[in-house]
Amino acid sequence: MAGSTPGRPARILLGELLIAALLSGLLYVLFGVFNVRLLHGFTAPEVLLLEGAAVVLVAYFVSWALTNATNAFLQRHGLRARGHTVRLFLNLLIAIGTVLALFRLVGVSAESILLGAGFTGIVLGLASQTVLSNVFAGLLLVVADPFRPGDRVGFVTWQFGIVPGSYPHESLLPTYTGVVDDVGLTYTVITLDTGGAAKIPNGIVIQALVVLPKGAILHRVRMTFPPSVSVASVEAVLPEVGRQYPPPFAGAPPPRLEVADLSATTWDAVVVLWSLSRDPTEVKDRILRAVLARGVKPTGAEPTGH
């Protein structure tokens, strides 16, 4: 059975907040008029207890209204899987407001509440700075929506660096590539192309360069040869490489050879090609096999993909 179409979030929110407002009015009449003028029977502690229960009940209805409106909004935008993060944050704010209201009922002044909350906030902020930064980063990721579960992404970040390539001008990007499993309150989980899952703190994800691999990738495979190997003998391998890696899109250039460096004892060649393959080591393996099949022996090689 097809799922029902969600209602408009604003209409849901206004309707349920109206119910909460009517409930608040009825409770006010109950405590402010009915008890004082008719019963005269509740003691001050009992009235205080009932007022506290009323505050909690109203807070529950407000939380219920915001939760339903949030679910409708996320469902309309295809983000229902992320609802737990937003709901947790909203309920946390409502809980804090409820606690402050209860303190106000027992006679704690607003100045004392703000002073105590400010001091507590400073202590908790210093003690859990990393955790809070991950939480707020997770909320920003949900709102900004740079990627969703199921998207294939790559994170480039200095916090998790890798060893650069042997050739200084052919280094690999320190990219952690995989499929997004979940964007949680503190961690983003991806299944890596190399196997296994990685849980990356949201505070790092929000600072990272996010690469969304789409379509073909430019590969560069650099090799070092002795002077006895001619450029033409290496270029003779390109037709075979072109058969293994046909143009992935209209207008894609065929594989080509670039002379990248020259010294008294060696020279460097770079095979450049476009391919749908996302594994630079697989491209390197095929090119080296083609080179060796021609009887050309390089002294070193390095793959890169962009």
Foldseek 3Di string as FASTA:
>chain_A
DDDDQFDALVVLLVVLLVVLVVLVVVVCCVLVPCCPPPPVPDDPVRSLVSVLVNLVVSLVSNLVSNLSSLCNVCVVVVNNQASVLVSVVVNVVSVVVSVVVNCVSVPDDPVNVVVVVVVVCVVVCVVPVLQVLLQVLLVVCSVVVPDGAFFKKWWQFPVDADDFDPDPVFTAGRIFIFGWHDRHRFWTWGATPVGDIDTHGSSRRSVTDMGRDDFKKKKKKKFKAFPVDDPVLLQVLQVVLCVVAPARDPPFDGWDKDFDADDPTITMIITIGIHPDPDQVVSNVVSVVSSVVSVGDTPDMDMYID
